Amino acid sequence: MEKDFIYGMKVSLGNEFGVVIKDENDQSTFCGLIRWDTPKENDIEDWKGQFGTFIRIGGSILSDYEFKYITEEGFSK
């Protein structure tokens, strides 16, 4: 079981699916920006330092999921 977000990790919360992406503007060691798989141009949420909360409220790590609107790196298709 993971203890923190990892870049490229596929996740879900509720009925949303996404991927953990790098924050090019943040030089800290924390990761946790999630790009959600929606048609919105920049549907990103900051979950840095909140992995435990993410899991506690029902978030999960996906082993395999094919995104509809984004690539596995979090870019728009």
PDB file of N, CA and C in Angstrom:
ATOM      1  N   MET A   1       0.840  -1.193   0.000  1.00  0.00           N
ATOM      2  CA  MET A   1       0.000   0.000   0.000  1.00  0.00           C
ATOM      3  C   MET A   1       0.876   1.244   0.000  1.00  0.00           C
ATOM      4  N   GLU A   2       0.562   2.147  -0.873  1.00  0.00           N
ATOM      5  CA  GLU A   2       1.293   3.413  -0.957  1.00  0.00           C
ATOM      6  C   GLU A   2       1.003   4.272   0.261  1.00  0.00           C
ATOM      7  N   LYS A   3       1.958   5.154   0.590  1.00  0.00           N
ATOM      8  CA  LYS A   3       1.801   6.052   1.725  1.00  0.00           C
ATOM      9  C   LYS A   3       1.741   7.507   1.299  1.00  0.00           C
ATOM     10  N   ASP A   4       1.893   7.761   0.007  1.00  0.00           N
ATOM     11  CA  ASP A   4       1.847   9.120  -0.512  1.00  0.00           C
ATOM     12  C   ASP A   4       1.572   9.067  -2.012  1.00  0.00           C
ATOM     13  N   PHE A   5       1.229  10.213  -2.562  1.00  0.00           N
ATOM     14  CA  PHE A   5       1.027  10.302  -3.998  1.00  0.00           C
ATOM     15  C   PHE A   5       2.365  10.132  -4.713  1.00  0.00           C
ATOM     16  N   ILE A   6       2.321   9.551  -5.886  1.00  0.00           N
ATOM     17  CA  ILE A   6       3.487   9.361  -6.735  1.00  0.00           C
ATOM     18  C   ILE A   6       3.114   9.886  -8.121  1.00  0.00           C
ATOM     19  N   TYR A   7       4.043  10.602  -8.754  1.00  0.00           N
ATOM     20  CA  TYR A   7       3.772  11.100 -10.097  1.00  0.00           C
ATOM     21  C   TYR A   7       3.361   9.968 -11.023  1.00  0.00           C
ATOM     22  N   GLY A   8       2.305  10.203 -11.793  1.00  0.00           N
ATOM     23  CA  GLY A   8       1.813   9.196 -12.731  1.00  0.00           C
ATOM     24  C   GLY A   8       0.815   8.227 -12.132  1.00  0.00           C
ATOM     25  N   MET A   9       0.581   8.322 -10.809  1.00  0.00           N
ATOM     26  CA  MET A   9      -0.370   7.437 -10.138  1.00  0.00           C
ATOM     27  C   MET A   9      -1.788   7.748 -10.641  1.00  0.00           C
ATOM     28  N   LYS A  10      -2.506   6.711 -11.022  1.00  0.00           N
ATOM     29  CA  LYS A  10      -3.899   6.867 -11.428  1.00  0.00           C
ATOM     30  C   LYS A  10      -4.759   6.733 -10.176  1.00  0.00           C
ATOM     31  N   VAL A  11      -5.709   7.654 -10.021  1.00  0.00           N
ATOM     32  CA  VAL A  11      -6.535   7.679  -8.816  1.00  0.00           C
ATOM     33  C   VAL A  11      -7.996   7.902  -9.172  1.00  0.00           C
ATOM     34  N   SER A  12      -8.847   7.619  -8.195  1.00  0.00           N
ATOM     35  CA  SER A  12     -10.267   7.932  -8.346  1.00  0.00           C
ATOM     36  C   SER A  12     -10.807   8.433  -7.019  1.00  0.00           C
ATOM     37  N   LEU A  13     -11.819   9.246  -7.121  1.00  0.00           N
ATOM     38  CA  LEU A  13     -12.522   9.761  -5.948  1.00  0.00           C
ATOM     39  C   LEU A  13     -13.951  10.029  -6.375  1.00  0.00           C
ATOM     40  N   GLY A  14     -14.883   9.373  -5.720  1.00  0.00           N
ATOM     41  CA  GLY A  14     -16.269   9.490  -6.155  1.00  0.00           C
ATOM     42  C   GLY A  14     -16.392   8.910  -7.557  1.00  0.00           C
ATOM     43  N   ASN A  15     -16.967   9.677  -8.446  1.00  0.00           N
ATOM     44  CA  ASN A  15     -17.112   9.240  -9.834  1.00  0.00           C
ATOM     45  C   ASN A  15     -16.086   9.900 -10.749  1.00  0.00           C
ATOM     46  N   GLU A  16     -15.003  10.411 -10.181  1.00  0.00           N
ATOM     47  CA  GLU A  16     -13.971  11.065 -10.971  1.00  0.00           C
ATOM     48  C   GLU A  16     -12.719  10.202 -11.019  1.00  0.00           C
ATOM     49  N   PHE A  17     -12.012  10.296 -12.137  1.00  0.00           N
ATOM     50  CA  PHE A  17     -10.780   9.552 -12.342  1.00  0.00           C
ATOM     51  C   PHE A  17      -9.716  10.529 -12.790  1.00  0.00           C
ATOM     52  N   GLY A  18      -8.489  10.331 -12.323  1.00  0.00           N
ATOM     53  CA  GLY A  18      -7.433  11.268 -12.680  1.00  0.00           C
ATOM     54  C   GLY A  18      -6.056  10.676 -12.513  1.00  0.00           C
ATOM     55  N   VAL A  19      -5.060  11.546 -12.730  1.00  0.00           N
ATOM     56  CA  VAL A  19      -3.667  11.144 -12.635  1.00  0.00           C
ATOM     57  C   VAL A  19      -2.904  12.221 -11.861  1.00  0.00           C
ATOM     58  N   VAL A  20      -1.941  11.787 -11.051  1.00  0.00           N
ATOM     59  CA  VAL A  20      -1.107  12.717 -10.289  1.00  0.00           C
ATOM     60  C   VAL A  20      -0.051  13.276 -11.236  1.00  0.00           C
ATOM     61  N   ILE A  21       0.005  14.607 -11.318  1.00  0.00           N
ATOM     62  CA  ILE A  21       0.925  15.272 -12.241  1.00  0.00           C
ATOM     63  C   ILE A  21       1.938  16.112 -11.477  1.00  0.00           C
ATOM     64  N   LYS A  22       3.010  16.490 -12.165  1.00  0.00           N
ATOM     65  CA  LYS A  22       4.027  17.364 -11.576  1.00  0.00           C
ATOM     66  C   LYS A  22       3.534  18.800 -11.601  1.00  0.00           C
ATOM     67  N   ASP A  23       3.879  19.533 -10.546  1.00  0.00           N
ATOM     68  CA  ASP A  23       3.613  20.965 -10.489  1.00  0.00           C
ATOM     69  C   ASP A  23       4.902  21.659 -10.901  1.00  0.00           C
ATOM     70  N   GLU A  24       4.957  22.126 -12.124  1.00  0.00           N
ATOM     71  CA  GLU A  24       6.181  22.730 -12.655  1.00  0.00           C
ATOM     72  C   GLU A  24       6.541  24.026 -11.922  1.00  0.00           C
ATOM     73  N   ASN A  25       5.587  24.629 -11.205  1.00  0.00           N
ATOM     74  CA  ASN A  25       5.839  25.887 -10.500  1.00  0.00           C
ATOM     75  C   ASN A  25       6.253  25.688  -9.049  1.00  0.00           C
ATOM     76  N   ASP A  26       6.245  24.447  -8.573  1.00  0.00           N
ATOM     77  CA  ASP A  26       6.540  24.159  -7.169  1.00  0.00           C
ATOM     78  C   ASP A  26       7.791  23.295  -7.083  1.00  0.00           C
ATOM     79  N   GLN A  27       8.793  23.757  -6.382  1.00  0.00           N
ATOM     80  CA  GLN A  27      10.048  23.021  -6.273  1.00  0.00           C
ATOM     81  C   GLN A  27      10.109  22.134  -5.022  1.00  0.00           C
ATOM     82  N   SER A  28       9.012  22.050  -4.260  1.00  0.00           N
ATOM     83  CA  SER A  28       9.014  21.217  -3.056  1.00  0.00           C
ATOM     84  C   SER A  28       9.010  19.736  -3.434  1.00  0.00           C
ATOM     85  N   THR A  29       9.213  18.892  -2.452  1.00  0.00           N
ATOM     86  CA  THR A  29       9.249  17.456  -2.704  1.00  0.00           C
ATOM     87  C   THR A  29       7.865  16.822  -2.667  1.00  0.00           C
ATOM     88  N   PHE A  30       6.855  17.581  -2.274  1.00  0.00           N
ATOM     89  CA  PHE A  30       5.499  17.031  -2.215  1.00  0.00           C
ATOM     90  C   PHE A  30       4.894  16.950  -3.606  1.00  0.00           C
ATOM     91  N   CYS A  31       4.194  15.868  -3.862  1.00  0.00           N
ATOM     92  CA  CYS A  31       3.390  15.816  -5.076  1.00  0.00           C
ATOM     93  C   CYS A  31       1.960  15.515  -4.645  1.00  0.00           C
ATOM     94  N   GLY A  32       1.038  15.763  -5.507  1.00  0.00           N
ATOM     95  CA  GLY A  32      -0.356  15.548  -5.168  1.00  0.00           C
ATOM     96  C   GLY A  32      -1.303  16.384  -5.999  1.00  0.00           C
ATOM     97  N   LEU A  33      -0.788  17.006  -7.069  1.00  0.00           N
ATOM     98  CA  LEU A  33      -1.695  17.677  -7.995  1.00  0.00           C
ATOM     99  C   LEU A  33      -2.371  16.604  -8.820  1.00  0.00           C
ATOM    100  N   ILE A  34      -3.687  16.634  -8.856  1.00  0.00           N
ATOM    101  CA  ILE A  34      -4.435  15.633  -9.617  1.00  0.00           C
ATOM    102  C   ILE A  34      -5.131  16.313 -10.778  1.00  0.00           C
ATOM    103  N   ARG A  35      -4.867  15.810 -11.967  1.00  0.00           N
ATOM    104  CA  ARG A  35      -5.569  16.263 -13.169  1.00  0.00           C
ATOM    105  C   ARG A  35      -6.697  15.274 -13.397  1.00  0.00           C
ATOM    106  N   TRP A  36      -7.925  15.782 -13.315  1.00  0.00           N
ATOM    107  CA  TRP A  36      -9.090  14.920 -13.471  1.00  0.00           C
ATOM    108  C   TRP A  36      -9.422  14.718 -14.940  1.00  0.00           C
ATOM    109  N   ASP A  37      -9.947  13.573 -15.257  1.00  0.00           N
ATOM    110  CA  ASP A  37     -10.295  13.186 -16.626  1.00  0.00           C
ATOM    111  C   ASP A  37     -11.656  13.760 -16.999  1.00  0.00           C
ATOM    112  N   THR A  38     -11.657  15.051 -17.305  1.00  0.00           N
ATOM    113  CA  THR A  38     -12.874  15.745 -17.719  1.00  0.00           C
ATOM    114  C   THR A  38     -12.557  16.571 -18.963  1.00  0.00           C
ATOM    115  N   PRO A  39     -13.570  17.030 -19.671  1.00  0.00           N
ATOM    116  CA  PRO A  39     -13.308  17.849 -20.859  1.00  0.00           C
ATOM    117  C   PRO A  39     -12.824  19.269 -20.521  1.00  0.00           C
ATOM    118  N   LYS A  40     -12.831  19.655 -19.251  1.00  0.00           N
ATOM    119  CA  LYS A  40     -12.355  20.988 -18.866  1.00  0.00           C
ATOM    120  C   LYS A  40     -10.869  21.117 -19.188  1.00  0.00           C
ATOM    121  N   GLU A  41     -10.438  22.287 -19.625  1.00  0.00           N
ATOM    122  CA  GLU A  41      -9.050  22.516 -20.029  1.00  0.00           C
ATOM    123  C   GLU A  41      -8.054  22.269 -18.904  1.00  0.00           C
ATOM    124  N   ASN A  42      -8.331  22.751 -17.706  1.00  0.00           N
ATOM    125  CA  ASN A  42      -7.397  22.602 -16.579  1.00  0.00           C
ATOM    126  C   ASN A  42      -8.142  22.161 -15.331  1.00  0.00           C
ATOM    127  N   ASP A  43      -8.652  20.961 -15.327  1.00  0.00           N
ATOM    128  CA  ASP A  43      -9.390  20.445 -14.172  1.00  0.00           C
ATOM    129  C   ASP A  43      -8.392  19.800 -13.209  1.00  0.00           C
ATOM    130  N   ILE A  44      -7.744  20.662 -12.404  1.00  0.00           N
ATOM    131  CA  ILE A  44      -6.666  20.223 -11.514  1.00  0.00           C
ATOM    132  C   ILE A  44      -7.011  20.585 -10.075  1.00  0.00           C
ATOM    133  N   GLU A  45      -6.771  19.646  -9.157  1.00  0.00           N
ATOM    134  CA  GLU A  45      -6.943  19.896  -7.723  1.00  0.00           C
ATOM    135  C   GLU A  45      -5.632  19.628  -7.008  1.00  0.00           C
ATOM    136  N   ASP A  46      -5.378  20.402  -5.974  1.00  0.00           N
ATOM    137  CA  ASP A  46      -4.159  20.267  -5.187  1.00  0.00           C
ATOM    138  C   ASP A  46      -4.444  19.426  -3.943  1.00  0.00           C
ATOM    139  N   TRP A  47      -3.897  18.219  -3.919  1.00  0.00           N
ATOM    140  CA  TRP A  47      -4.037  17.300  -2.785  1.00  0.00           C
ATOM    141  C   TRP A  47      -2.697  17.074  -2.101  1.00  0.00           C
ATOM    142  N   LYS A  48      -1.730  17.960  -2.317  1.00  0.00           N
ATOM    143  CA  LYS A  48      -0.389  17.791  -1.728  1.00  0.00           C
ATOM    144  C   LYS A  48      -0.474  17.676  -0.217  1.00  0.00           C
ATOM    145  N   GLY A  49       0.192  16.669   0.333  1.00  0.00           N
ATOM    146  CA  GLY A  49       0.228  16.455   1.771  1.00  0.00           C
ATOM    147  C   GLY A  49      -1.058  15.913   2.364  1.00  0.00           C
ATOM    148  N   GLN A  50      -1.997  15.510   1.516  1.00  0.00           N
ATOM    149  CA  GLN A  50      -3.295  15.060   2.004  1.00  0.00           C
ATOM    150  C   GLN A  50      -3.640  13.637   1.544  1.00  0.00           C
ATOM    151  N   PHE A  51      -2.632  12.822   1.322  1.00  0.00           N
ATOM    152  CA  PHE A  51      -2.877  11.465   0.840  1.00  0.00           C
ATOM    153  C   PHE A  51      -3.776  10.690   1.803  1.00  0.00           C
ATOM    154  N   GLY A  52      -3.485  10.767   3.096  1.00  0.00           N
ATOM    155  CA  GLY A  52      -4.295  10.057   4.090  1.00  0.00           C
ATOM    156  C   GLY A  52      -5.748  10.488   4.049  1.00  0.00           C
ATOM    157  N   THR A  53      -5.980  11.774   3.952  1.00  0.00           N
ATOM    158  CA  THR A  53      -7.348  12.292   3.857  1.00  0.00           C
ATOM    159  C   THR A  53      -8.008  11.808   2.579  1.00  0.00           C
ATOM    160  N   PHE A  54      -7.278  11.857   1.482  1.00  0.00           N
ATOM    161  CA  PHE A  54      -7.794  11.403   0.191  1.00  0.00           C
ATOM    162  C   PHE A  54      -8.290   9.960   0.293  1.00  0.00           C
ATOM    163  N   ILE A  55      -7.495   9.090   0.888  1.00  0.00           N
ATOM    164  CA  ILE A  55      -7.870   7.682   1.044  1.00  0.00           C
ATOM    165  C   ILE A  55      -9.031   7.537   2.025  1.00  0.00           C
ATOM    166  N   ARG A  56      -8.988   8.270   3.147  1.00  0.00           N
ATOM    167  CA  ARG A  56     -10.044   8.176   4.171  1.00  0.00           C
ATOM    168  C   ARG A  56     -11.416   8.559   3.642  1.00  0.00           C
ATOM    169  N   ILE A  57     -11.478   9.533   2.724  1.00  0.00           N
ATOM    170  CA  ILE A  57     -12.788   9.960   2.226  1.00  0.00           C
ATOM    171  C   ILE A  57     -13.241   9.148   1.011  1.00  0.00           C
ATOM    172  N   GLY A  58     -12.506   8.083   0.715  1.00  0.00           N
ATOM    173  CA  GLY A  58     -12.952   7.178  -0.344  1.00  0.00           C
ATOM    174  C   GLY A  58     -12.105   7.174  -1.595  1.00  0.00           C
ATOM    175  N   GLY A  59     -11.024   7.926  -1.615  1.00  0.00           N
ATOM    176  CA  GLY A  59     -10.132   7.921  -2.769  1.00  0.00           C
ATOM    177  C   GLY A  59      -9.449   6.581  -2.902  1.00  0.00           C
ATOM    178  N   SER A  60      -9.116   6.217  -4.116  1.00  0.00           N
ATOM    179  CA  SER A  60      -8.425   4.946  -4.324  1.00  0.00           C
ATOM    180  C   SER A  60      -7.386   5.073  -5.429  1.00  0.00           C
ATOM    181  N   ILE A  61      -6.453   4.138  -5.406  1.00  0.00           N
ATOM    182  CA  ILE A  61      -5.414   4.053  -6.418  1.00  0.00           C
ATOM    183  C   ILE A  61      -5.866   3.022  -7.442  1.00  0.00           C
ATOM    184  N   LEU A  62      -5.763   3.369  -8.704  1.00  0.00           N
ATOM    185  CA  LEU A  62      -6.178   2.469  -9.770  1.00  0.00           C
ATOM    186  C   LEU A  62      -4.969   1.776 -10.368  1.00  0.00           C
ATOM    187  N   SER A  63      -5.088   0.502 -10.624  1.00  0.00           N
ATOM    188  CA  SER A  63      -3.978  -0.204 -11.260  1.00  0.00           C
ATOM    189  C   SER A  63      -4.041  -0.048 -12.771  1.00  0.00           C
ATOM    190  N   ASP A  64      -5.244   0.083 -13.309  1.00  0.00           N
ATOM    191  CA  ASP A  64      -5.387   0.221 -14.755  1.00  0.00           C
ATOM    192  C   ASP A  64      -6.656   1.008 -15.047  1.00  0.00           C
ATOM    193  N   TYR A  65      -6.520   2.043 -15.853  1.00  0.00           N
ATOM    194  CA  TYR A  65      -7.675   2.832 -16.251  1.00  0.00           C
ATOM    195  C   TYR A  65      -7.318   3.573 -17.525  1.00  0.00           C
ATOM    196  N   GLU A  66      -8.214   3.583 -18.483  1.00  0.00           N
ATOM    197  CA  GLU A  66      -7.978   4.308 -19.732  1.00  0.00           C
ATOM    198  C   GLU A  66      -8.772   5.612 -19.694  1.00  0.00           C
ATOM    199  N   PHE A  67      -8.043   6.725 -19.731  1.00  0.00           N
ATOM    200  CA  PHE A  67      -8.669   8.039 -19.665  1.00  0.00           C
ATOM    201  C   PHE A  67      -9.337   8.406 -20.983  1.00  0.00           C
ATOM    202  N   LYS A  68     -10.414   9.168 -20.875  1.00  0.00           N
ATOM    203  CA  LYS A  68     -11.160   9.588 -22.053  1.00  0.00           C
ATOM    204  C   LYS A  68     -10.670  10.939 -22.576  1.00  0.00           C
ATOM    205  N   TYR A  69     -10.369  11.884 -21.681  1.00  0.00           N
ATOM    206  CA  TYR A  69     -10.053  13.251 -22.079  1.00  0.00           C
ATOM    207  C   TYR A  69      -8.591  13.644 -21.904  1.00  0.00           C
ATOM    208  N   ILE A  70      -7.842  12.877 -21.128  1.00  0.00           N
ATOM    209  CA  ILE A  70      -6.444  13.225 -20.860  1.00  0.00           C
ATOM    210  C   ILE A  70      -5.531  12.040 -21.152  1.00  0.00           C
ATOM    211  N   THR A  71      -4.246  12.350 -21.307  1.00  0.00           N
ATOM    212  CA  THR A  71      -3.248  11.292 -21.478  1.00  0.00           C
ATOM    213  C   THR A  71      -2.830  10.803 -20.099  1.00  0.00           C
ATOM    214  N   GLU A  72      -2.018   9.773 -20.056  1.00  0.00           N
ATOM    215  CA  GLU A  72      -1.535   9.249 -18.772  1.00  0.00           C
ATOM    216  C   GLU A  72      -0.581  10.210 -18.088  1.00  0.00           C
ATOM    217  N   GLU A  73      -0.110  11.231 -18.802  1.00  0.00           N
ATOM    218  CA  GLU A  73       0.747  12.261 -18.222  1.00  0.00           C
ATOM    219  C   GLU A  73      -0.063  13.471 -17.774  1.00  0.00           C
ATOM    220  N   GLY A  74      -1.373  13.477 -18.051  1.00  0.00           N
ATOM    221  CA  GLY A  74      -2.240  14.545 -17.615  1.00  0.00           C
ATOM    222  C   GLY A  74      -2.475  15.656 -18.619  1.00  0.00           C
ATOM    223  N   PHE A  75      -2.041  15.459 -19.853  1.00  0.00           N
ATOM    224  CA  PHE A  75      -2.280  16.453 -20.904  1.00  0.00           C
ATOM    225  C   PHE A  75      -3.602  16.174 -21.591  1.00  0.00           C
ATOM    226  N   SER A  76      -4.231  17.217 -22.144  1.00  0.00           N
ATOM    227  CA  SER A  76      -5.452  17.038 -22.909  1.00  0.00           C
ATOM    228  C   SER A  76      -5.172  16.211 -24.157  1.00  0.00           C
ATOM    229  N   LYS A  77      -6.119  15.356 -24.488  1.00  0.00           N
ATOM    230  CA  LYS A  77      -5.975  14.546 -25.714  1.00  0.00           C
ATOM    231  C   LYS A  77      -6.312  15.388 -26.917  1.00  0.00           C
TER     232      LYS A  77
END
